[in-house]
Amino acid sequence: MRKLTTTATNKLQIYIGRKSAQSSPRRTKYDVWAEILKSCTTMARTQSWLLVKLRLTTTTVKDSLNFLATAKLIEAVEEPKVSGTKYKTTAKGQQALKVYQHLVTRYFSIDRWPH
């Protein structure tokens, strides 16, 4: 186990690290896929936008986009005068998102569990 030093900088880093870990719990791959599908439903989004706004790693975004595109849940949209590829949720992706949200709210709702 590493001994913690008492410098102000280290205390600040430890405090910030704990705070961010508590405020953003780990997401499953299904949660990430649902977030991407939801984000790309109303407007086509770039990989960079998804990376920043959803607070994901580059590997996670690339792997997720690859999976979603292979499953035909998302499609690449080429727009003139725009650098980079944008992604838009397909009709199949919108249906999958609705089913996912229904399952989560129906089976994992806090109201269903005894208190």
N, C-alpha and C. Protein backbone atom coordinates (compact mmCIF):
# COMPACT_ATOMS: atom_id res chain seq x y z
N MET A 1 0.84 -1.17 0.00
CA MET A 1 0.00 0.00 0.00
C MET A 1 0.89 1.24 0.00
N ARG A 2 0.54 2.20 -0.82
CA ARG A 2 1.33 3.41 -0.97
C ARG A 2 1.02 4.41 0.13
N LYS A 3 2.05 4.97 0.72
CA LYS A 3 1.86 5.96 1.78
C LYS A 3 1.52 7.30 1.15
N LEU A 4 0.49 7.96 1.69
CA LEU A 4 0.08 9.25 1.17
C LEU A 4 0.93 10.34 1.78
N THR A 5 1.36 11.26 0.96
CA THR A 5 2.13 12.40 1.48
C THR A 5 1.16 13.50 1.89
N THR A 6 1.65 14.47 2.63
CA THR A 6 0.77 15.50 3.17
C THR A 6 0.89 16.83 2.44
N THR A 7 1.45 16.84 1.26
CA THR A 7 1.55 18.11 0.55
C THR A 7 0.16 18.54 0.09
N ALA A 8 -0.02 19.83 -0.01
CA ALA A 8 -1.32 20.38 -0.41
C ALA A 8 -1.74 19.88 -1.79
N THR A 9 -0.80 19.76 -2.69
CA THR A 9 -1.11 19.29 -4.03
C THR A 9 -1.67 17.88 -4.00
N ASN A 10 -1.04 16.99 -3.25
CA ASN A 10 -1.52 15.62 -3.18
C ASN A 10 -2.90 15.53 -2.54
N LYS A 11 -3.14 16.32 -1.51
CA LYS A 11 -4.46 16.32 -0.87
C LYS A 11 -5.53 16.76 -1.86
N LEU A 12 -5.22 17.77 -2.64
CA LEU A 12 -6.17 18.26 -3.62
C LEU A 12 -6.44 17.19 -4.67
N GLN A 13 -5.42 16.53 -5.16
CA GLN A 13 -5.59 15.48 -6.17
C GLN A 13 -6.40 14.32 -5.61
N ILE A 14 -6.14 13.94 -4.38
CA ILE A 14 -6.88 12.84 -3.76
C ILE A 14 -8.34 13.23 -3.59
N TYR A 15 -8.59 14.43 -3.13
CA TYR A 15 -9.97 14.90 -2.93
C TYR A 15 -10.72 14.93 -4.26
N ILE A 16 -10.10 15.50 -5.28
CA ILE A 16 -10.74 15.58 -6.59
C ILE A 16 -10.98 14.18 -7.13
N GLY A 17 -10.02 13.30 -6.99
CA GLY A 17 -10.18 11.94 -7.48
C GLY A 17 -11.35 11.23 -6.83
N ARG A 18 -11.49 11.36 -5.54
CA ARG A 18 -12.60 10.72 -4.84
C ARG A 18 -13.93 11.34 -5.24
N LYS A 19 -13.96 12.64 -5.37
CA LYS A 19 -15.20 13.32 -5.73
C LYS A 19 -15.67 12.88 -7.11
N SER A 20 -14.78 12.84 -8.07
CA SER A 20 -15.18 12.46 -9.43
C SER A 20 -15.59 11.00 -9.49
N ALA A 21 -14.97 10.16 -8.70
CA ALA A 21 -15.34 8.74 -8.69
C ALA A 21 -16.74 8.56 -8.13
N GLN A 22 -17.11 9.37 -7.15
CA GLN A 22 -18.44 9.26 -6.56
C GLN A 22 -19.51 9.84 -7.47
N SER A 23 -19.19 10.90 -8.19
CA SER A 23 -20.20 11.57 -9.00
C SER A 23 -20.46 10.87 -10.33
N SER A 24 -19.57 10.02 -10.79
CA SER A 24 -19.81 9.31 -12.05
C SER A 24 -19.50 7.82 -11.88
N PRO A 25 -20.51 7.06 -11.47
CA PRO A 25 -20.28 5.63 -11.29
C PRO A 25 -19.97 4.95 -12.61
N ARG A 26 -19.33 3.83 -12.53
CA ARG A 26 -18.93 3.08 -13.72
C ARG A 26 -20.16 2.67 -14.51
N ARG A 27 -20.08 2.83 -15.83
CA ARG A 27 -21.19 2.48 -16.72
C ARG A 27 -20.89 1.16 -17.41
N THR A 28 -21.93 0.39 -17.65
CA THR A 28 -21.77 -0.85 -18.40
C THR A 28 -21.70 -0.51 -19.89
N LYS A 29 -21.29 -1.49 -20.68
CA LYS A 29 -21.25 -1.25 -22.13
C LYS A 29 -22.65 -0.97 -22.67
N TYR A 30 -23.66 -1.55 -22.04
CA TYR A 30 -25.03 -1.32 -22.49
C TYR A 30 -25.46 0.12 -22.19
N ASP A 31 -25.05 0.64 -21.06
CA ASP A 31 -25.33 2.04 -20.72
C ASP A 31 -24.66 2.98 -21.72
N VAL A 32 -23.42 2.67 -22.07
CA VAL A 32 -22.68 3.50 -23.02
C VAL A 32 -23.35 3.44 -24.38
N TRP A 33 -23.71 2.26 -24.84
CA TRP A 33 -24.38 2.13 -26.13
C TRP A 33 -25.68 2.92 -26.14
N ALA A 34 -26.45 2.83 -25.06
CA ALA A 34 -27.71 3.57 -24.98
C ALA A 34 -27.47 5.08 -25.01
N GLU A 35 -26.45 5.55 -24.32
CA GLU A 35 -26.13 6.97 -24.32
C GLU A 35 -25.74 7.45 -25.72
N ILE A 36 -24.96 6.65 -26.42
CA ILE A 36 -24.56 7.02 -27.78
C ILE A 36 -25.78 7.04 -28.69
N LEU A 37 -26.62 6.00 -28.62
CA LEU A 37 -27.82 5.96 -29.45
C LEU A 37 -28.72 7.17 -29.16
N LYS A 38 -28.89 7.49 -27.91
CA LYS A 38 -29.74 8.62 -27.53
C LYS A 38 -29.14 9.93 -28.04
N SER A 39 -27.84 10.10 -27.91
CA SER A 39 -27.18 11.33 -28.34
C SER A 39 -27.27 11.53 -29.85
N CYS A 40 -27.26 10.45 -30.58
CA CYS A 40 -27.26 10.53 -32.05
C CYS A 40 -28.66 10.43 -32.65
N THR A 41 -29.69 10.44 -31.82
CA THR A 41 -31.06 10.33 -32.32
C THR A 41 -31.54 11.64 -32.92
N THR A 42 -31.38 12.73 -32.22
CA THR A 42 -31.90 14.01 -32.68
C THR A 42 -30.99 14.72 -33.67
N MET A 43 -29.70 14.45 -33.57
CA MET A 43 -28.73 15.13 -34.43
C MET A 43 -27.52 14.22 -34.64
N ALA A 44 -26.97 14.25 -35.84
CA ALA A 44 -25.77 13.47 -36.12
C ALA A 44 -24.61 14.05 -35.30
N ARG A 45 -23.83 13.17 -34.70
CA ARG A 45 -22.73 13.59 -33.82
C ARG A 45 -21.41 13.01 -34.30
N THR A 46 -20.33 13.75 -34.03
CA THR A 46 -19.00 13.27 -34.37
C THR A 46 -18.45 12.42 -33.23
N GLN A 47 -17.41 11.68 -33.55
CA GLN A 47 -16.73 10.88 -32.54
C GLN A 47 -16.18 11.78 -31.44
N SER A 48 -15.65 12.92 -31.83
CA SER A 48 -15.09 13.87 -30.85
C SER A 48 -16.16 14.39 -29.92
N TRP A 49 -17.34 14.71 -30.45
CA TRP A 49 -18.43 15.20 -29.62
C TRP A 49 -18.80 14.15 -28.58
N LEU A 50 -18.97 12.91 -29.03
CA LEU A 50 -19.32 11.82 -28.13
C LEU A 50 -18.25 11.63 -27.05
N LEU A 51 -17.01 11.72 -27.46
CA LEU A 51 -15.88 11.56 -26.55
C LEU A 51 -15.95 12.58 -25.41
N VAL A 52 -16.17 13.83 -25.75
CA VAL A 52 -16.16 14.91 -24.77
C VAL A 52 -17.46 14.95 -23.96
N LYS A 53 -18.58 14.98 -24.62
CA LYS A 53 -19.86 15.17 -23.94
C LYS A 53 -20.28 13.98 -23.09
N LEU A 54 -19.94 12.76 -23.53
CA LEU A 54 -20.32 11.58 -22.77
C LEU A 54 -19.21 11.14 -21.82
N ARG A 55 -18.09 11.85 -21.86
CA ARG A 55 -16.95 11.57 -20.98
C ARG A 55 -16.49 10.11 -21.09
N LEU A 56 -16.14 9.74 -22.32
CA LEU A 56 -15.70 8.38 -22.61
C LEU A 56 -14.26 8.41 -23.10
N THR A 57 -13.62 7.25 -23.08
CA THR A 57 -12.27 7.15 -23.62
C THR A 57 -12.37 6.95 -25.13
N THR A 58 -11.28 7.24 -25.82
CA THR A 58 -11.24 7.08 -27.26
C THR A 58 -11.52 5.63 -27.65
N THR A 59 -10.92 4.69 -26.94
CA THR A 59 -11.11 3.27 -27.22
C THR A 59 -12.58 2.89 -27.05
N THR A 60 -13.20 3.35 -26.00
CA THR A 60 -14.61 3.03 -25.75
C THR A 60 -15.50 3.57 -26.86
N VAL A 61 -15.26 4.81 -27.27
CA VAL A 61 -16.07 5.40 -28.33
C VAL A 61 -15.87 4.65 -29.64
N LYS A 62 -14.63 4.38 -30.01
CA LYS A 62 -14.36 3.67 -31.27
C LYS A 62 -14.97 2.27 -31.27
N ASP A 63 -14.77 1.53 -30.19
CA ASP A 63 -15.32 0.18 -30.10
C ASP A 63 -16.84 0.19 -30.13
N SER A 64 -17.43 1.14 -29.42
CA SER A 64 -18.89 1.24 -29.37
C SER A 64 -19.47 1.61 -30.73
N LEU A 65 -18.87 2.59 -31.39
CA LEU A 65 -19.35 2.99 -32.72
C LEU A 65 -19.20 1.84 -33.71
N ASN A 66 -18.11 1.11 -33.62
CA ASN A 66 -17.89 -0.04 -34.50
C ASN A 66 -18.97 -1.10 -34.27
N PHE A 67 -19.25 -1.42 -33.00
CA PHE A 67 -20.28 -2.41 -32.70
C PHE A 67 -21.65 -1.94 -33.17
N LEU A 68 -22.00 -0.70 -32.83
CA LEU A 68 -23.32 -0.18 -33.19
C LEU A 68 -23.51 -0.10 -34.71
N ALA A 69 -22.46 0.25 -35.44
CA ALA A 69 -22.54 0.31 -36.90
C ALA A 69 -22.67 -1.09 -37.50
N THR A 70 -21.93 -2.05 -36.97
CA THR A 70 -22.01 -3.44 -37.44
C THR A 70 -23.40 -4.01 -37.20
N ALA A 71 -24.01 -3.64 -36.08
CA ALA A 71 -25.36 -4.11 -35.74
C ALA A 71 -26.45 -3.30 -36.45
N LYS A 72 -26.04 -2.33 -37.26
CA LYS A 72 -26.97 -1.47 -38.02
C LYS A 72 -27.86 -0.64 -37.09
N LEU A 73 -27.34 -0.29 -35.93
CA LEU A 73 -28.08 0.55 -34.98
C LEU A 73 -27.72 2.02 -35.15
N ILE A 74 -26.61 2.25 -35.82
CA ILE A 74 -26.12 3.61 -36.06
C ILE A 74 -25.49 3.60 -37.45
N GLU A 75 -25.52 4.75 -38.13
CA GLU A 75 -24.93 4.83 -39.45
C GLU A 75 -24.08 6.08 -39.59
N ALA A 76 -23.04 5.96 -40.40
CA ALA A 76 -22.17 7.10 -40.67
C ALA A 76 -22.86 8.01 -41.68
N VAL A 77 -22.80 9.31 -41.43
CA VAL A 77 -23.42 10.29 -42.30
C VAL A 77 -22.32 11.23 -42.78
N GLU A 78 -22.14 11.29 -44.08
CA GLU A 78 -21.14 12.20 -44.64
C GLU A 78 -21.82 13.52 -44.97
N GLU A 79 -21.34 14.60 -44.39
CA GLU A 79 -21.91 15.91 -44.65
C GLU A 79 -20.86 16.77 -45.35
N PRO A 80 -21.25 17.41 -46.44
CA PRO A 80 -20.31 18.29 -47.12
C PRO A 80 -19.95 19.48 -46.23
N LYS A 81 -18.77 19.99 -46.39
CA LYS A 81 -18.27 21.15 -45.63
C LYS A 81 -18.05 20.85 -44.15
N VAL A 82 -18.13 19.59 -43.75
CA VAL A 82 -17.88 19.22 -42.36
C VAL A 82 -16.76 18.19 -42.33
N SER A 83 -15.73 18.48 -41.55
CA SER A 83 -14.62 17.53 -41.47
C SER A 83 -14.98 16.43 -40.47
N GLY A 84 -14.65 15.22 -40.79
CA GLY A 84 -14.94 14.10 -39.90
C GLY A 84 -16.28 13.47 -40.21
N THR A 85 -16.43 12.27 -39.72
CA THR A 85 -17.66 11.52 -39.93
C THR A 85 -18.62 11.79 -38.79
N LYS A 86 -19.88 11.92 -39.13
CA LYS A 86 -20.91 12.08 -38.12
C LYS A 86 -21.73 10.78 -38.09
N TYR A 87 -22.31 10.51 -36.93
CA TYR A 87 -23.09 9.27 -36.75
C TYR A 87 -24.51 9.61 -36.36
N LYS A 88 -25.45 8.88 -36.94
CA LYS A 88 -26.88 9.08 -36.69
C LYS A 88 -27.50 7.74 -36.34
N THR A 89 -28.39 7.74 -35.37
CA THR A 89 -29.08 6.52 -34.96
C THR A 89 -30.09 6.13 -36.03
N THR A 90 -30.10 4.87 -36.41
CA THR A 90 -31.04 4.36 -37.40
C THR A 90 -32.40 4.09 -36.75
N ALA A 91 -33.38 3.76 -37.56
CA ALA A 91 -34.70 3.39 -37.04
C ALA A 91 -34.59 2.15 -36.15
N LYS A 92 -33.77 1.19 -36.59
CA LYS A 92 -33.53 -0.01 -35.78
C LYS A 92 -32.88 0.35 -34.45
N GLY A 93 -31.97 1.31 -34.48
CA GLY A 93 -31.31 1.78 -33.26
C GLY A 93 -32.28 2.48 -32.32
N GLN A 94 -33.19 3.26 -32.88
CA GLN A 94 -34.20 3.92 -32.05
C GLN A 94 -35.11 2.90 -31.38
N GLN A 95 -35.47 1.86 -32.12
CA GLN A 95 -36.30 0.80 -31.55
C GLN A 95 -35.54 0.06 -30.44
N ALA A 96 -34.28 -0.24 -30.67
CA ALA A 96 -33.46 -0.92 -29.66
C ALA A 96 -33.34 -0.06 -28.41
N LEU A 97 -33.18 1.23 -28.57
CA LEU A 97 -33.09 2.16 -27.44
C LEU A 97 -34.39 2.16 -26.63
N LYS A 98 -35.52 2.17 -27.32
CA LYS A 98 -36.82 2.14 -26.62
C LYS A 98 -36.97 0.85 -25.82
N VAL A 99 -36.59 -0.27 -26.41
CA VAL A 99 -36.68 -1.56 -25.71
C VAL A 99 -35.76 -1.57 -24.50
N TYR A 100 -34.54 -1.09 -24.66
CA TYR A 100 -33.58 -1.03 -23.55
C TYR A 100 -34.13 -0.18 -22.41
N GLN A 101 -34.62 1.02 -22.74
CA GLN A 101 -35.15 1.91 -21.71
C GLN A 101 -36.36 1.29 -21.02
N HIS A 102 -37.19 0.59 -21.77
CA HIS A 102 -38.36 -0.08 -21.19
C HIS A 102 -37.91 -1.17 -20.21
N LEU A 103 -36.95 -1.97 -20.61
CA LEU A 103 -36.46 -3.03 -19.74
C LEU A 103 -35.85 -2.48 -18.46
N VAL A 104 -35.07 -1.46 -18.59
CA VAL A 104 -34.42 -0.87 -17.42
C VAL A 104 -35.46 -0.29 -16.47
N THR A 105 -36.41 0.46 -17.00
CA THR A 105 -37.40 1.08 -16.12
C THR A 105 -38.38 0.05 -15.56
N ARG A 106 -38.69 -0.98 -16.31
CA ARG A 106 -39.67 -1.97 -15.84
C ARG A 106 -39.06 -2.93 -14.82
N TYR A 107 -37.88 -3.43 -15.10
CA TYR A 107 -37.32 -4.49 -14.26
C TYR A 107 -36.32 -4.01 -13.21
N PHE A 108 -35.81 -2.83 -13.38
CA PHE A 108 -34.81 -2.36 -12.43
C PHE A 108 -35.24 -1.10 -11.70
N SER A 109 -36.52 -0.81 -11.72
CA SER A 109 -37.06 0.33 -11.01
C SER A 109 -36.98 0.09 -9.51
N ILE A 110 -36.66 1.11 -8.75
CA ILE A 110 -36.57 1.01 -7.30
C ILE A 110 -37.94 0.66 -6.71
N ASP A 111 -39.01 1.11 -7.34
CA ASP A 111 -40.37 0.86 -6.84
C ASP A 111 -40.71 -0.62 -6.80
N ARG A 112 -40.04 -1.44 -7.60
CA ARG A 112 -40.34 -2.86 -7.67
C ARG A 112 -39.74 -3.64 -6.51
N TRP A 113 -38.76 -3.06 -5.84
CA TRP A 113 -38.06 -3.78 -4.78
C TRP A 113 -38.70 -3.47 -3.43
N PRO A 114 -38.84 -4.49 -2.57
CA PRO A 114 -39.40 -4.24 -1.23
C PRO A 114 -38.47 -3.37 -0.40
N HIS A 115 -39.06 -2.56 0.42
CA HIS A 115 -38.26 -1.63 1.26
C HIS A 115 -37.95 -2.23 2.58
